[in-house]
Protein backbone atom coordinates (compact mmCIF):
# COMPACT_ATOMS: atom_id res chain seq x y z
CA MET A 1 -7.80 14.66 11.85
CA SER A 2 -4.50 13.28 13.49
CA GLN A 3 -1.71 13.38 11.22
CA ARG A 4 -0.28 10.26 12.76
CA ILE A 5 -1.52 6.61 11.82
CA GLN A 6 -3.14 4.98 14.84
CA THR A 7 -4.86 1.84 15.92
CA ASP A 8 -8.09 2.89 14.63
CA THR A 9 -6.99 4.35 11.29
CA ALA A 10 -9.40 3.41 8.56
CA GLY A 11 -10.19 3.90 5.01
CA VAL A 12 -8.63 3.79 1.58
CA PHE A 13 -4.72 4.09 1.35
CA VAL A 14 -3.36 4.11 -2.26
CA ILE A 15 0.23 3.02 -2.80
CA ALA A 16 1.77 5.65 -5.04
CA ALA A 17 3.83 4.71 -8.16
CA THR A 18 7.15 6.83 -8.64
CA PRO A 19 6.91 8.53 -12.06
CA PHE A 20 9.85 8.60 -14.32
CA THR A 21 10.48 10.46 -17.42
CA ASP A 22 10.89 8.43 -20.61
CA GLU A 23 14.53 8.83 -20.21
CA GLY A 24 14.51 7.18 -16.57
CA ALA A 25 14.85 10.54 -14.46
CA VAL A 26 12.38 11.19 -11.53
CA ASP A 27 9.50 12.98 -12.94
CA TYR A 28 8.61 15.65 -10.20
CA ALA A 29 5.87 17.32 -12.15
CA SER A 30 4.21 13.97 -12.45
CA ILE A 31 4.44 13.45 -8.60
CA ASP A 32 2.33 16.57 -8.34
CA SER A 33 -0.24 15.49 -10.96
CA LEU A 34 -0.51 11.89 -9.66
CA THR A 35 -0.92 13.05 -6.24
CA ASP A 36 -3.74 15.50 -7.16
CA PHE A 37 -5.31 12.41 -9.12
CA TYR A 38 -5.28 10.33 -5.99
CA LEU A 39 -6.64 13.21 -4.03
CA GLY A 40 -9.57 13.83 -6.03
CA HIS A 41 -11.01 10.24 -5.19
CA ASP A 42 -11.81 10.90 -1.57
CA ILE A 43 -8.77 8.70 -0.29
CA ALA A 44 -7.66 8.30 3.25
CA GLY A 45 -4.13 8.20 2.90
CA LEU A 46 -1.13 7.61 0.51
CA THR A 47 1.84 5.09 0.93
CA ILE A 48 4.98 5.95 -0.77
CA LEU A 49 8.32 4.38 -1.45
CA GLY A 50 6.91 0.69 -1.41
CA VAL A 51 7.48 -2.06 -3.94
CA MET A 52 5.09 -0.24 -6.25
CA GLY A 53 7.20 3.05 -5.75
CA GLU A 54 10.01 1.25 -7.21
CA ALA A 55 12.06 2.28 -3.91
CA ASN A 56 14.86 -0.36 -4.73
CA LYS A 57 15.52 1.68 -7.90
CA LEU A 58 16.05 4.94 -6.09
CA SER A 59 19.20 6.53 -4.75
CA GLY A 60 19.18 7.79 -1.07
CA GLU A 61 19.05 11.32 -2.26
CA GLU A 62 16.38 10.52 -4.93
CA SER A 63 14.28 8.51 -2.08
CA LEU A 64 14.42 11.84 0.06
CA ALA A 65 13.42 14.03 -2.78
CA VAL A 66 10.48 12.01 -3.74
CA MET A 67 9.21 11.58 -0.23
CA ARG A 68 9.56 15.46 0.16
CA ARG A 69 7.69 16.13 -3.08
CA PHE A 70 4.62 13.78 -2.21
CA LEU A 71 4.40 15.25 1.25
CA ALA A 72 4.67 18.97 0.10
CA ARG A 73 1.97 18.17 -2.60
CA VAL A 74 -0.33 16.40 -0.07
CA ASP A 75 0.13 19.41 2.37
CA GLY A 76 -1.67 17.58 5.48
CA ARG A 77 -4.64 16.81 3.56
CA VAL A 78 -4.35 13.08 4.00
CA LYS A 79 -1.98 10.78 5.83
CA VAL A 80 1.15 9.58 4.24
CA VAL A 81 2.86 6.31 5.13
CA VAL A 82 6.57 6.04 4.04
CA GLY A 83 8.16 2.87 3.24
CA VAL A 84 11.66 2.52 5.08
CA SER A 85 12.17 -1.00 4.82
CA ALA A 86 16.23 -1.82 4.54
CA PRO A 87 18.37 -4.79 5.63
CA ALA A 88 20.18 -2.77 8.24
CA PHE A 89 19.06 -0.03 10.52
CA ASP A 90 21.06 2.98 9.57
CA PRO A 91 19.49 3.57 6.19
CA MET A 92 15.91 3.04 7.81
CA VAL A 93 16.67 5.47 10.74
CA SER A 94 17.90 8.11 8.27
CA LEU A 95 14.88 7.83 5.88
CA ALA A 96 12.21 7.38 8.82
CA ALA A 97 13.71 10.56 10.74
CA ALA A 98 13.25 12.71 7.47
CA ALA A 99 9.91 11.35 6.58
CA MET A 100 8.60 12.33 10.10
CA ASP A 101 10.20 15.54 10.08
CA ALA A 102 8.61 16.48 6.66
CA GLY A 103 5.08 15.14 7.89
CA ALA A 104 4.87 11.87 7.44
CA ALA A 105 2.12 9.84 9.39
CA GLY A 106 4.12 6.89 10.05
CA VAL A 107 6.58 4.51 8.29
CA MET A 108 6.06 1.16 6.93
CA ILE A 109 8.53 -1.73 7.61
CA ALA A 110 8.89 -5.30 6.23
CA PRO A 111 11.29 -7.98 7.69
CA PRO A 112 14.22 -8.77 5.73
CA PRO A 113 14.70 -12.35 4.14
CA SER A 114 17.15 -13.20 6.45
CA VAL A 115 14.38 -13.49 9.29
CA LYS A 116 13.61 -17.23 9.56
CA HIS A 117 11.42 -17.87 12.65
CA ASP A 118 9.44 -16.21 15.08
CA GLU A 119 12.07 -15.16 17.66
CA GLN A 120 14.00 -13.42 14.79
CA PHE A 121 10.71 -11.88 13.51
CA PHE A 122 10.37 -10.34 17.09
CA ASN A 123 13.79 -9.42 17.55
CA PHE A 124 14.03 -7.59 14.06
CA PHE A 125 10.74 -5.47 14.97
CA ALA A 126 11.85 -4.63 18.39
CA GLY A 127 15.17 -3.49 16.87
CA ALA A 128 13.64 -1.48 14.33
CA CYS A 129 11.12 0.29 16.60
CA ALA A 130 14.00 1.00 19.19
CA ALA A 131 16.06 2.48 16.12
CA VAL A 132 13.39 4.79 14.61
CA GLY A 133 12.29 5.99 18.03
CA PRO A 134 9.24 5.58 20.08
CA ASP A 135 7.46 8.59 18.67
CA THR A 136 7.57 7.04 15.03
CA PRO A 137 4.29 5.08 14.24
CA VAL A 138 4.87 1.97 12.50
CA CYS A 139 3.08 -0.12 10.04
CA LEU A 140 4.27 -3.75 9.90
CA GLN A 141 4.15 -5.21 6.45
CA ASP A 142 3.28 -8.88 6.30
CA TYR A 143 4.23 -9.73 2.61
CA PRO A 144 5.76 -13.29 2.61
CA ALA A 145 5.28 -13.84 -1.17
CA VAL A 146 7.80 -10.83 -1.72
CA THR A 147 10.05 -11.14 1.54
CA GLY A 148 9.95 -15.03 1.96
CA VAL A 149 9.44 -14.17 5.73
CA HIS A 150 6.10 -15.69 7.39
CA MET A 151 4.47 -13.97 10.39
CA SER A 152 2.61 -16.16 12.75
CA VAL A 153 -0.51 -14.90 14.78
CA PRO A 154 1.45 -15.63 18.01
CA VAL A 155 4.47 -13.52 17.10
CA PHE A 156 2.30 -10.68 16.06
CA SER A 157 0.28 -10.84 19.46
CA ARG A 158 3.83 -10.66 21.21
CA ILE A 159 4.68 -7.66 18.96
CA VAL A 160 1.18 -5.97 19.87
CA ARG A 161 1.70 -6.53 23.79
CA GLU A 162 5.31 -5.41 23.70
CA LEU A 163 5.92 -2.79 20.87
CA PRO A 164 3.09 -0.29 21.34
CA GLN A 165 4.29 1.98 18.34
CA VAL A 166 3.25 -0.89 15.86
CA VAL A 167 -0.32 0.56 15.34
CA MET A 168 -0.91 -0.83 11.90
CA LEU A 169 -0.61 -4.17 10.05
CA LYS A 170 -0.43 -4.25 6.28
CA ALA A 171 -1.99 -7.83 5.77
CA GLU A 172 -0.79 -9.28 2.75
CA ASP A 173 -0.16 -13.04 3.43
CA SER A 174 -2.17 -15.50 1.11
CA PRO A 175 -4.04 -17.18 2.13
CA GLY A 176 -4.66 -14.38 4.73
CA LEU A 177 -8.37 -14.29 5.64
CA THR A 178 -8.12 -16.55 8.43
CA LYS A 179 -5.18 -14.58 9.81
CA ILE A 180 -7.22 -11.52 9.82
CA SER A 181 -10.08 -13.39 11.67
CA ARG A 182 -7.77 -14.73 14.24
CA ILE A 183 -6.28 -11.32 15.05
CA ARG A 184 -9.68 -9.62 15.42
CA ALA A 185 -10.84 -12.45 17.54
CA LEU A 186 -7.97 -12.13 19.98
CA GLU A 187 -8.80 -8.34 20.11
CA ALA A 188 -12.38 -9.24 21.06
CA LYS A 189 -10.73 -11.23 23.98
CA GLY A 190 -8.67 -8.24 25.06
CA GLN A 191 -5.63 -8.04 22.72
CA ARG A 192 -4.93 -4.36 21.86
CA ARG A 193 -6.43 -3.53 18.54
CA THR A 194 -4.39 -2.83 15.44
CA SER A 195 -5.44 -1.12 12.28
CA ILE A 196 -5.39 -3.73 9.35
CA LEU A 197 -5.21 -2.59 5.98
CA VAL A 198 -4.83 -5.06 3.11
CA GLY A 199 -2.88 -5.42 -0.10
CA ASN A 200 -2.35 -8.41 -2.35
CA ASN A 201 -3.37 -6.04 -5.38
CA GLY A 202 -6.85 -5.90 -3.88
CA LEU A 203 -7.65 -9.54 -5.17
CA PHE A 204 -9.61 -10.60 -2.09
CA TYR A 205 -10.57 -6.98 -1.20
CA PRO A 206 -14.36 -7.31 -0.19
CA LEU A 207 -13.81 -10.45 1.57
CA GLU A 208 -10.90 -9.00 3.67
CA LEU A 209 -13.21 -6.15 4.56
CA ALA A 210 -16.13 -8.51 5.80
CA ARG A 211 -13.23 -10.44 7.95
CA GLY A 212 -12.68 -7.00 9.93
CA ALA A 213 -10.06 -5.25 7.59
CA ASP A 214 -10.27 -1.49 7.94
CA GLY A 215 -9.36 -0.59 4.26
CA PRO A 216 -6.76 -1.44 1.54
CA MET A 217 -3.41 -0.21 1.09
CA THR A 218 -2.82 -1.23 -2.64
CA GLY A 219 -1.92 0.41 -5.78
CA VAL A 220 -4.99 -0.34 -8.09
CA ALA A 221 -4.89 2.42 -10.48
CA TYR A 222 -8.73 2.95 -10.06
CA PRO A 223 -8.83 4.39 -6.58
CA GLU A 224 -12.40 5.23 -7.17
CA MET A 225 -13.27 1.24 -7.18
CA LEU A 226 -11.34 1.01 -3.76
CA VAL A 227 -13.37 3.90 -2.47
CA ASP A 228 -16.84 2.81 -3.78
CA VAL A 229 -16.38 -0.71 -2.15
CA TYR A 230 -15.15 0.63 1.01
CA GLN A 231 -18.20 2.88 1.46
CA ALA A 232 -20.62 0.21 0.16
CA MET A 233 -19.48 -2.02 2.66
CA LYS A 234 -19.34 0.71 5.61
CA ALA A 235 -23.01 1.17 4.44
CA GLY A 236 -23.90 -2.58 4.95
CA ASP A 237 -24.49 -3.22 1.27
CA ARG A 238 -22.48 -6.13 0.58
CA ASP A 239 -24.07 -7.00 -2.66
CA ARG A 240 -23.29 -3.61 -3.95
CA ALA A 241 -19.69 -3.96 -2.83
CA ASP A 242 -19.24 -7.20 -4.68
CA ASP A 243 -20.92 -5.94 -7.79
CA LEU A 244 -18.57 -3.12 -7.97
CA PHE A 245 -15.49 -4.99 -7.27
CA GLU A 246 -16.54 -7.62 -9.86
CA ILE A 247 -16.53 -5.21 -12.58
CA TYR A 248 -12.90 -4.43 -11.80
CA LEU A 249 -11.81 -8.04 -11.07
CA PRO A 250 -10.64 -9.10 -14.61
CA LEU A 251 -8.14 -6.12 -14.31
CA VAL A 252 -7.22 -6.90 -10.73
CA ARG A 253 -6.52 -10.57 -11.66
CA TYR A 254 -4.38 -9.51 -14.70
CA GLU A 255 -2.31 -7.48 -12.27
CA THR A 256 -1.16 -10.51 -10.31
CA GLN A 257 1.24 -11.57 -12.86
CA ALA A 258 4.72 -11.37 -11.80
CA GLY A 259 6.55 -8.90 -13.92
CA VAL A 260 3.50 -7.16 -15.60
CA ALA A 261 1.55 -5.56 -12.64
CA LEU A 262 3.53 -2.27 -12.35
CA ALA A 263 3.91 -1.67 -15.93
CA TRP A 264 0.23 -2.38 -16.40
CA ARG A 265 -0.71 -0.11 -13.52
CA LYS A 266 1.57 2.90 -14.85
CA GLU A 267 -0.08 2.53 -18.28
CA ILE A 268 -3.47 3.04 -16.87
CA LEU A 269 -2.34 5.99 -14.54
CA ARG A 270 -0.58 7.40 -17.89
CA ARG A 271 -4.02 6.90 -19.96
CA ARG A 272 -5.91 8.38 -17.22
CA GLY A 273 -3.72 11.55 -17.31
CA ALA A 274 -2.19 11.03 -13.79
CA ILE A 275 1.35 10.90 -15.04
CA ALA A 276 3.13 11.80 -18.15
CA SER A 277 5.03 8.49 -18.88
CA ALA A 278 4.51 4.84 -17.94
CA ARG A 279 8.19 4.11 -18.01
CA LEU A 280 9.60 1.67 -15.30
CA ARG A 281 13.12 2.55 -14.18
CA ALA A 282 15.28 -0.31 -15.74
CA PRO A 283 15.36 -3.22 -15.15
CA GLY A 284 11.68 -3.11 -15.81
CA ALA A 285 9.04 -4.58 -18.14
CA GLN A 286 7.23 -2.37 -20.69
CA LEU A 287 4.06 -3.59 -22.11
CA ASN A 288 3.96 -5.36 -25.67
CA ALA A 289 1.28 -4.68 -28.17
CA ASP A 290 -0.74 -7.72 -27.18
CA GLU A 291 -0.79 -6.22 -23.60
CA GLN A 292 -1.73 -2.92 -24.42
CA ALA A 293 -4.72 -4.40 -26.66
CA ASP A 294 -5.75 -6.24 -23.55
CA LEU A 295 -5.98 -3.10 -21.44
CA THR A 296 -7.55 -1.12 -24.18
CA ARG A 297 -10.40 -3.78 -24.11
CA MET A 298 -10.26 -4.00 -20.07
CA MET A 299 -10.60 -0.28 -19.77
CA ALA A 300 -13.40 0.05 -22.08
CA ARG A 301 -15.50 -2.76 -20.54
CA ILE A 302 -14.93 -1.24 -17.02
CA GLU A 303 -16.29 2.16 -18.23
CA SER A 304 -19.28 0.60 -19.78
CA LYS A 305 -20.06 -1.60 -17.00
CA ARG A 306 -19.51 0.90 -14.19
CA ALA A 307 -21.80 3.38 -16.03
CA ALA A 308 -24.54 0.58 -16.08
CA LEU A 309 -24.32 -0.15 -12.55
CA GLY A 310 -24.84 3.46 -11.65
């Protein structure tokens, strides 16, 4: 297995949380147990230091330490993509270089909010690719709901033509199904292929796979659902994929609520024994009693319905 992301990279990539202690310090022991939890579900890769990883709440030294701890625990068993997005190139280059030296498979970069149109979009990624160097594979994150930046299909096609190190698209536009279809249609006419992994909390997951996505890159705290749906779709069993997904859909839908998603996912991971504490680093929400009760009911129903489906 190549240790770098490539244009044909496929499978389930899970976005990892960054565990903290109840006091708010980085919990390195829980990084180990969380990594083991993810790897126990036949995933193809991990993505660290993304939005779910609370990267914006880590110091530069903490980001390096967290990245190195995850990579050391993975020890080359799956590909690891490291989020290095920054409003300026210098901190991006520093973290990207350290990540690749430590064994990362590539880096993920999102455009800053200052990008307002196609020319600026292309120029930002041309500059970012030049800054991190031609030997660093790049996953381009298209997540306008968070960045406020819209990526058109024509500007992505230009990036594919002129920036060969962009080998992967993290597709998180909404609505975004047609965008995936348009990119695959252009590839059928000769455009260079790009790996497409999808996010958006997994809300449209089977539909995106049906449009040609190569897998998910999301932080759903049930990686076995992501893997089972992916395998069912690869086997051509769309009905089973939909049946599996629909068991988890109420939970996935709940996670789309702004402000509660990460607290919800971390509490699931804590209850499943993957991390010791569900603490978010301040400022960050903590689940109240009603939300805890909602989660208890949903987890029980998932367990019952998943067992019944077989």
